[in-house]
Amino acid sequence: MRAVVFAYHSVGVRCLKVLLAGGVDVALVVTHEDNPQENLWFDSVAALCRAEGIAFVTPPDANAPELLAQVQAAQPDMLFSFYYRHMLPASVLDVAPGYNMHGSLLPQFRGRAPVNWAVLHGASETGATLHAMTVKPDAGAIVAQTAVPILPDDTAFEVFGKVTVAAEQTLWKVLPALLDGSAPLTPNDLRQGGYFGGRKPADGRIDWSLPAQQVYNLHRAVAPPYPGAFTELHGITYVIQQARLSRAPAVDLPPGLAVVEGAMVGVCGDGRMLAISSLHANDQPISAAQLQDQLTSHASTPHTTQEKFT
């Protein structure tokens, strides 16, 4: 069985290894050039291809005619997409049956950044889904799924690690049936769930007027190695590195950053707090005493951030 694989990120590495272990002849891998401006905390598909002697290309555009010619020349029996960042055009999908690994339990959280959105929305479960590829994203029939829990204090980074393992398990279990043509196909009910777009660093801006649970979910969804939840005060950008939802009773303080009994907190609209154990100010670590000094020096100016997160 010959395959052309479109892959990136840690899920791309693990799933590509599953195909190799399953005896699939990977004729070509299509991946991405790493962006030097991006925090590259994940595994490299290109590095795996070099180590395994697999031919790979990094076209800037999945619609390029030369890429279509390369895929056709490989004469694949199947196409796979594992966290490849571009939508594949109909011309490529027409070459062979295609299957995509998505980081949610479809039809929930279709589209971009599914793990981050699941954490942001307070979901208690997510997973990995292998599904047939169609021109419409994440809409094809479901082949197999594996669920993982999202614990109350899990960050998106931690959940992504679980989803990576779930993706590997999902593909490993169903690959023999997929190769012999006996894999089941379950209709993907698009009346459930919804589509979500990509996320930008600016989406991490905190609206302190929201309830603490929502602010905490935002922190968890974008905590490092993602860009982080942030607030701005008097020209200083504060980024929360580590925090937990405080069990202390609600306080009568204005929403925003504060120091309470020598500890850094974020006071939210319902009076509950985030207990902040690590905070950066303009990319530098800051202590509770330093934060207190900065807040005191600007005490006459409100320091809440009211811009609504969307």
Protein backbone atom coordinates (compact mmCIF):
# COMPACT_ATOMS: atom_id res chain seq x y z
CA MET A 1 0.00 0.00 0.00
CA ARG A 2 1.52 3.30 -1.10
CA ALA A 3 0.65 6.59 0.53
CA VAL A 4 1.35 10.27 0.22
CA VAL A 5 1.31 11.90 3.65
CA PHE A 6 0.67 15.55 4.43
CA ALA A 7 1.99 16.09 7.95
CA TYR A 8 3.29 18.56 10.50
CA HIS A 9 3.65 18.94 14.26
CA SER A 10 3.92 16.15 16.85
CA VAL A 11 0.74 14.46 15.63
CA GLY A 12 2.29 14.32 12.17
CA VAL A 13 5.41 12.65 13.55
CA ARG A 14 3.57 10.05 15.63
CA CYS A 15 1.06 9.13 12.93
CA LEU A 16 3.76 8.91 10.26
CA LYS A 17 5.62 6.49 12.54
CA VAL A 18 2.45 4.40 12.83
CA LEU A 19 2.19 4.13 9.04
CA LEU A 20 5.82 3.04 8.79
CA ALA A 21 5.37 0.49 11.57
CA GLY A 22 2.26 -0.79 9.79
CA GLY A 23 4.19 -1.50 6.61
CA VAL A 24 2.80 1.36 4.54
CA ASP A 25 5.07 2.47 1.69
CA VAL A 26 5.26 6.24 2.22
CA ALA A 27 6.21 7.47 -1.21
CA LEU A 28 6.18 11.18 -0.40
CA VAL A 29 5.66 13.45 2.61
CA VAL A 30 4.40 17.01 2.22
CA THR A 31 5.19 19.21 5.21
CA HIS A 32 5.92 22.85 6.10
CA GLU A 33 8.99 24.97 6.46
CA ASP A 34 9.29 25.93 10.13
CA ASN A 35 8.50 29.57 10.87
CA PRO A 36 11.43 31.07 12.85
CA GLN A 37 8.97 33.54 14.43
CA GLU A 38 6.97 30.67 15.92
CA ASN A 39 7.69 28.94 19.23
CA LEU A 40 8.70 25.53 17.87
CA TRP A 41 7.94 23.34 20.89
CA PHE A 42 6.70 20.40 18.82
CA ASP A 43 8.38 17.53 16.94
CA SER A 44 9.65 17.89 13.37
CA VAL A 45 8.22 15.86 10.49
CA ALA A 46 11.08 16.99 8.25
CA ALA A 47 13.63 15.66 10.76
CA LEU A 48 11.85 12.29 10.85
CA CYS A 49 11.86 12.11 7.05
CA ARG A 50 15.59 12.81 6.96
CA ALA A 51 16.23 10.11 9.56
CA GLU A 52 14.07 7.55 7.70
CA GLY A 53 15.22 8.49 4.20
CA ILE A 54 11.72 9.48 3.09
CA ALA A 55 11.33 11.97 0.25
CA PHE A 56 9.63 15.17 1.39
CA VAL A 57 8.72 18.57 0.01
CA THR A 58 7.70 21.86 1.64
CA PRO A 59 5.57 23.75 -0.89
CA PRO A 60 4.24 27.14 0.23
CA ASP A 61 0.87 26.47 -1.40
CA ALA A 62 -1.15 23.23 -1.41
CA ASN A 63 -2.77 24.43 -4.66
CA ALA A 64 0.49 24.60 -6.59
CA PRO A 65 0.33 22.66 -9.90
CA GLU A 66 3.78 21.21 -9.28
CA LEU A 67 2.60 19.69 -5.99
CA LEU A 68 -0.34 18.03 -7.73
CA ALA A 69 2.08 16.61 -10.30
CA GLN A 70 4.31 15.22 -7.52
CA VAL A 71 1.37 13.59 -5.75
CA GLN A 72 0.12 12.06 -9.01
CA ALA A 73 3.61 10.80 -9.87
CA ALA A 74 3.80 8.97 -6.53
CA GLN A 75 0.74 6.90 -7.57
CA PRO A 76 -0.60 6.55 -4.03
CA ASP A 77 -3.36 4.19 -2.98
CA MET A 78 -4.21 6.52 -0.11
CA LEU A 79 -3.62 10.06 1.11
CA PHE A 80 -3.23 10.98 4.76
CA SER A 81 -3.24 14.36 6.45
CA PHE A 82 -1.88 14.63 9.99
CA TYR A 83 -2.00 18.22 11.26
CA TYR A 84 -1.01 19.64 7.89
CA ARG A 85 -1.97 23.31 8.03
CA HIS A 86 -3.38 23.84 4.54
CA MET A 87 -6.67 22.61 3.11
CA LEU A 88 -6.13 20.14 0.28
CA PRO A 89 -7.84 21.13 -2.98
CA ALA A 90 -10.25 18.86 -4.84
CA SER A 91 -7.61 18.16 -7.49
CA VAL A 92 -5.36 16.52 -4.87
CA LEU A 93 -8.21 14.71 -3.12
CA ASP A 94 -9.23 13.21 -6.47
CA VAL A 95 -5.90 11.34 -6.73
CA ALA A 96 -6.75 8.75 -4.04
CA PRO A 97 -8.99 8.28 -0.99
CA GLY A 98 -7.83 10.60 1.77
CA TYR A 99 -8.02 10.46 5.57
CA ASN A 100 -7.37 13.25 8.06
CA MET A 101 -6.56 13.13 11.77
CA HIS A 102 -8.40 15.86 13.67
CA GLY A 103 -7.75 16.86 17.27
CA SER A 104 -11.28 16.62 18.64
CA LEU A 105 -14.19 14.23 18.89
CA LEU A 106 -15.92 15.17 15.67
CA PRO A 107 -18.33 16.69 14.97
CA GLN A 108 -17.37 18.79 18.01
CA PHE A 109 -14.80 21.58 17.57
CA ARG A 110 -14.36 21.40 13.82
CA GLY A 111 -11.84 23.75 12.22
CA ARG A 112 -8.65 25.27 13.59
CA ALA A 113 -7.00 24.95 17.03
CA PRO A 114 -9.52 22.39 18.33
CA VAL A 115 -7.65 21.63 21.56
CA ASN A 116 -7.36 25.30 22.51
CA TRP A 117 -11.03 25.93 21.78
CA ALA A 118 -12.10 22.87 23.78
CA VAL A 119 -10.19 24.08 26.84
CA LEU A 120 -11.44 27.64 26.39
CA HIS A 121 -15.03 26.41 26.34
CA GLY A 122 -14.55 24.35 29.49
CA ALA A 123 -15.04 20.97 27.81
CA SER A 124 -14.38 17.95 30.05
CA GLU A 125 -13.47 15.63 27.18
CA THR A 126 -11.90 15.74 23.74
CA GLY A 127 -9.86 13.33 21.64
CA ALA A 128 -8.69 12.42 18.16
CA THR A 129 -10.77 11.50 15.12
CA LEU A 130 -9.67 9.89 11.87
CA HIS A 131 -12.13 10.80 9.14
CA ALA A 132 -12.47 10.72 5.39
CA MET A 133 -11.29 13.93 3.73
CA THR A 134 -13.66 16.08 1.70
CA VAL A 135 -13.29 19.56 0.27
CA LYS A 136 -15.28 20.88 3.24
CA PRO A 137 -13.07 20.73 6.35
CA ASP A 138 -13.71 18.07 8.99
CA ALA A 139 -16.94 17.00 7.30
CA GLY A 140 -16.15 13.52 6.01
CA ALA A 141 -17.33 10.22 7.45
CA ILE A 142 -15.74 9.18 10.75
CA VAL A 143 -13.46 6.12 10.65
CA ALA A 144 -12.35 5.93 14.30
CA GLN A 145 -12.12 8.03 17.46
CA THR A 146 -10.32 7.93 20.80
CA ALA A 147 -11.43 10.10 23.73
CA VAL A 148 -9.26 11.69 26.43
CA PRO A 149 -10.30 13.62 29.55
CA ILE A 150 -9.72 17.32 30.10
CA LEU A 151 -9.13 17.73 33.82
CA PRO A 152 -10.17 20.98 35.54
CA ASP A 153 -6.62 22.35 35.72
CA ASP A 154 -5.25 20.96 32.44
CA THR A 155 -3.69 23.48 30.09
CA ALA A 156 -4.05 23.17 26.32
CA PHE A 157 -0.42 22.05 26.16
CA GLU A 158 -1.15 19.17 28.52
CA VAL A 159 -4.31 18.24 26.64
CA PHE A 160 -2.45 18.36 23.34
CA GLY A 161 -0.06 15.74 24.70
CA LYS A 162 -3.02 13.49 25.44
CA VAL A 163 -4.53 14.12 22.00
CA THR A 164 -1.21 13.24 20.34
CA VAL A 165 -1.24 9.84 22.07
CA ALA A 166 -4.93 9.42 21.19
CA ALA A 167 -4.15 10.13 17.53
CA GLU A 168 -1.44 7.47 17.53
CA GLN A 169 -3.73 4.94 19.19
CA THR A 170 -6.61 5.71 16.84
CA LEU A 171 -4.54 5.18 13.72
CA TRP A 172 -2.76 2.11 15.10
CA LYS A 173 -6.02 0.33 15.94
CA VAL A 174 -7.81 1.02 12.67
CA LEU A 175 -4.90 0.86 10.20
CA PRO A 176 -5.20 -2.87 9.37
CA ALA A 177 -8.90 -2.47 8.58
CA LEU A 178 -8.20 0.71 6.64
CA LEU A 179 -5.62 -1.06 4.50
CA ASP A 180 -7.81 -4.09 3.74
CA GLY A 181 -10.88 -1.96 3.03
CA SER A 182 -12.98 -3.15 5.97
CA ALA A 183 -12.80 0.01 8.11
CA PRO A 184 -16.26 1.27 9.14
CA LEU A 185 -17.47 4.69 8.06
CA THR A 186 -19.89 6.55 10.33
CA PRO A 187 -21.69 9.65 8.98
CA ASN A 188 -20.39 12.90 10.48
CA ASP A 189 -23.46 14.69 11.86
CA LEU A 190 -22.68 18.34 11.12
CA ARG A 191 -25.83 19.45 12.91
CA GLN A 192 -23.85 18.97 16.10
CA GLY A 193 -20.80 20.95 17.20
CA GLY A 194 -19.55 23.84 15.12
CA TYR A 195 -16.63 25.36 13.23
CA PHE A 196 -13.93 27.41 14.90
CA GLY A 197 -11.32 29.66 13.33
CA GLY A 198 -7.61 30.01 13.93
CA ARG A 199 -6.31 31.83 16.99
CA LYS A 200 -3.90 34.77 17.23
CA PRO A 201 -1.81 35.99 20.20
CA ALA A 202 -4.15 38.98 20.52
CA ASP A 203 -6.99 36.59 21.33
CA GLY A 204 -5.34 36.04 24.71
CA ARG A 205 -6.32 39.49 26.00
CA ILE A 206 -8.07 39.15 29.37
CA ASP A 207 -11.43 40.71 30.10
CA TRP A 208 -11.30 40.89 33.90
CA SER A 209 -15.02 41.69 34.07
CA LEU A 210 -15.81 38.07 33.16
CA PRO A 211 -16.36 35.40 35.82
CA ALA A 212 -13.20 33.79 37.18
CA GLN A 213 -13.89 30.41 35.58
CA GLN A 214 -14.00 31.96 32.12
CA VAL A 215 -10.79 33.91 32.72
CA TYR A 216 -9.15 30.75 34.04
CA ASN A 217 -10.26 28.79 30.98
CA LEU A 218 -8.67 31.45 28.78
CA HIS A 219 -5.41 31.17 30.71
CA ARG A 220 -5.49 27.37 30.41
CA ALA A 221 -6.26 27.57 26.68
CA VAL A 222 -3.30 29.81 25.83
CA ALA A 223 -0.77 29.14 28.62
CA PRO A 224 2.87 28.64 27.52
CA PRO A 225 4.18 27.35 25.20
CA TYR A 226 1.27 29.20 23.57
CA PRO A 227 1.50 33.03 23.71
CA GLY A 228 -0.36 33.32 27.04
CA ALA A 229 -3.26 35.29 28.53
CA PHE A 230 -2.28 38.91 28.97
CA THR A 231 -3.40 42.27 30.28
CA GLU A 232 -1.93 45.74 29.73
CA LEU A 233 -1.39 48.47 32.29
CA HIS A 234 0.40 51.79 31.80
CA GLY A 235 2.43 50.59 28.84
CA ILE A 236 3.39 47.27 30.46
CA THR A 237 2.15 43.95 29.10
CA TYR A 238 1.63 41.35 31.81
CA VAL A 239 1.43 37.72 30.64
CA ILE A 240 0.27 35.01 33.01
CA GLN A 241 2.66 32.07 32.93
CA GLN A 242 1.16 29.92 35.69
CA ALA A 243 -2.07 30.31 37.65
CA ARG A 244 -4.82 28.39 39.37
CA LEU A 245 -8.41 29.18 40.21
CA SER A 246 -8.30 30.38 43.82
CA ARG A 247 -10.47 28.65 46.39
CA ALA A 248 -10.62 31.82 48.49
CA PRO A 249 -14.01 33.49 48.87
CA ALA A 250 -14.95 36.39 46.64
CA VAL A 251 -13.28 39.70 47.46
CA ASP A 252 -14.50 43.28 47.20
CA LEU A 253 -11.74 44.57 44.93
CA PRO A 254 -11.85 46.12 41.46
CA PRO A 255 -11.27 43.65 38.62
CA GLY A 256 -7.67 43.34 37.43
CA LEU A 257 -4.24 42.49 38.75
CA ALA A 258 -3.67 42.90 42.48
CA VAL A 259 -1.47 41.74 45.34
CA VAL A 260 -3.39 40.18 48.24
CA GLU A 261 -1.56 39.09 51.39
CA GLY A 262 1.73 39.17 49.52
CA ALA A 263 0.52 37.01 46.61
CA MET A 264 -0.24 37.96 43.01
CA VAL A 265 -3.86 37.52 41.98
CA GLY A 266 -6.20 38.40 39.17
CA VAL A 267 -9.53 39.66 40.47
CA CYS A 268 -12.45 38.80 38.17
CA GLY A 269 -15.91 40.20 37.65
CA ASP A 270 -17.56 37.84 40.12
CA GLY A 271 -15.07 38.71 42.87
CA ARG A 272 -13.29 35.37 42.63
CA MET A 273 -9.58 35.32 41.90
CA LEU A 274 -6.87 33.60 39.90
CA ALA A 275 -3.90 32.81 42.12
CA ILE A 276 -0.94 33.74 39.90
CA SER A 277 2.29 31.89 40.68
CA SER A 278 4.29 33.16 37.69
CA LEU A 279 3.82 36.46 35.84
CA HIS A 280 5.90 38.21 33.19
CA ALA A 281 5.98 41.97 32.69
CA ASN A 282 7.25 42.95 29.22
CA ASP A 283 8.74 39.46 28.83
CA GLN A 284 10.57 39.51 32.19
CA PRO A 285 9.60 37.57 35.34
CA ILE A 286 8.10 39.78 38.03
CA SER A 287 7.64 39.15 41.76
CA ALA A 288 4.68 40.01 43.94
CA ALA A 289 6.69 42.84 45.52
CA GLN A 290 7.58 44.28 42.11
CA LEU A 291 3.98 44.05 40.96
CA GLN A 292 2.85 45.79 44.16
CA ASP A 293 5.32 48.61 43.52
CA GLN A 294 4.05 49.06 39.97
CA LEU A 295 0.41 49.00 41.01
CA THR A 296 1.05 51.44 43.85
CA SER A 297 2.90 53.86 41.60
CA HIS A 298 -0.16 54.03 39.35
CA ALA A 299 -2.79 53.71 42.05
CA SER A 300 -4.63 56.80 40.89
CA THR A 301 -5.32 55.22 37.46
CA PRO A 302 -7.74 52.29 36.98
CA HIS A 303 -5.93 49.17 35.83
CA THR A 304 -8.70 46.97 34.55
CA THR A 305 -8.77 45.64 31.01
CA GLN A 306 -12.26 45.88 29.60
CA GLU A 307 -11.77 44.78 26.01
CA LYS A 308 -14.10 41.87 25.34
CA PHE A 309 -12.48 38.57 24.34
CA THR A 310 -13.98 37.05 21.22
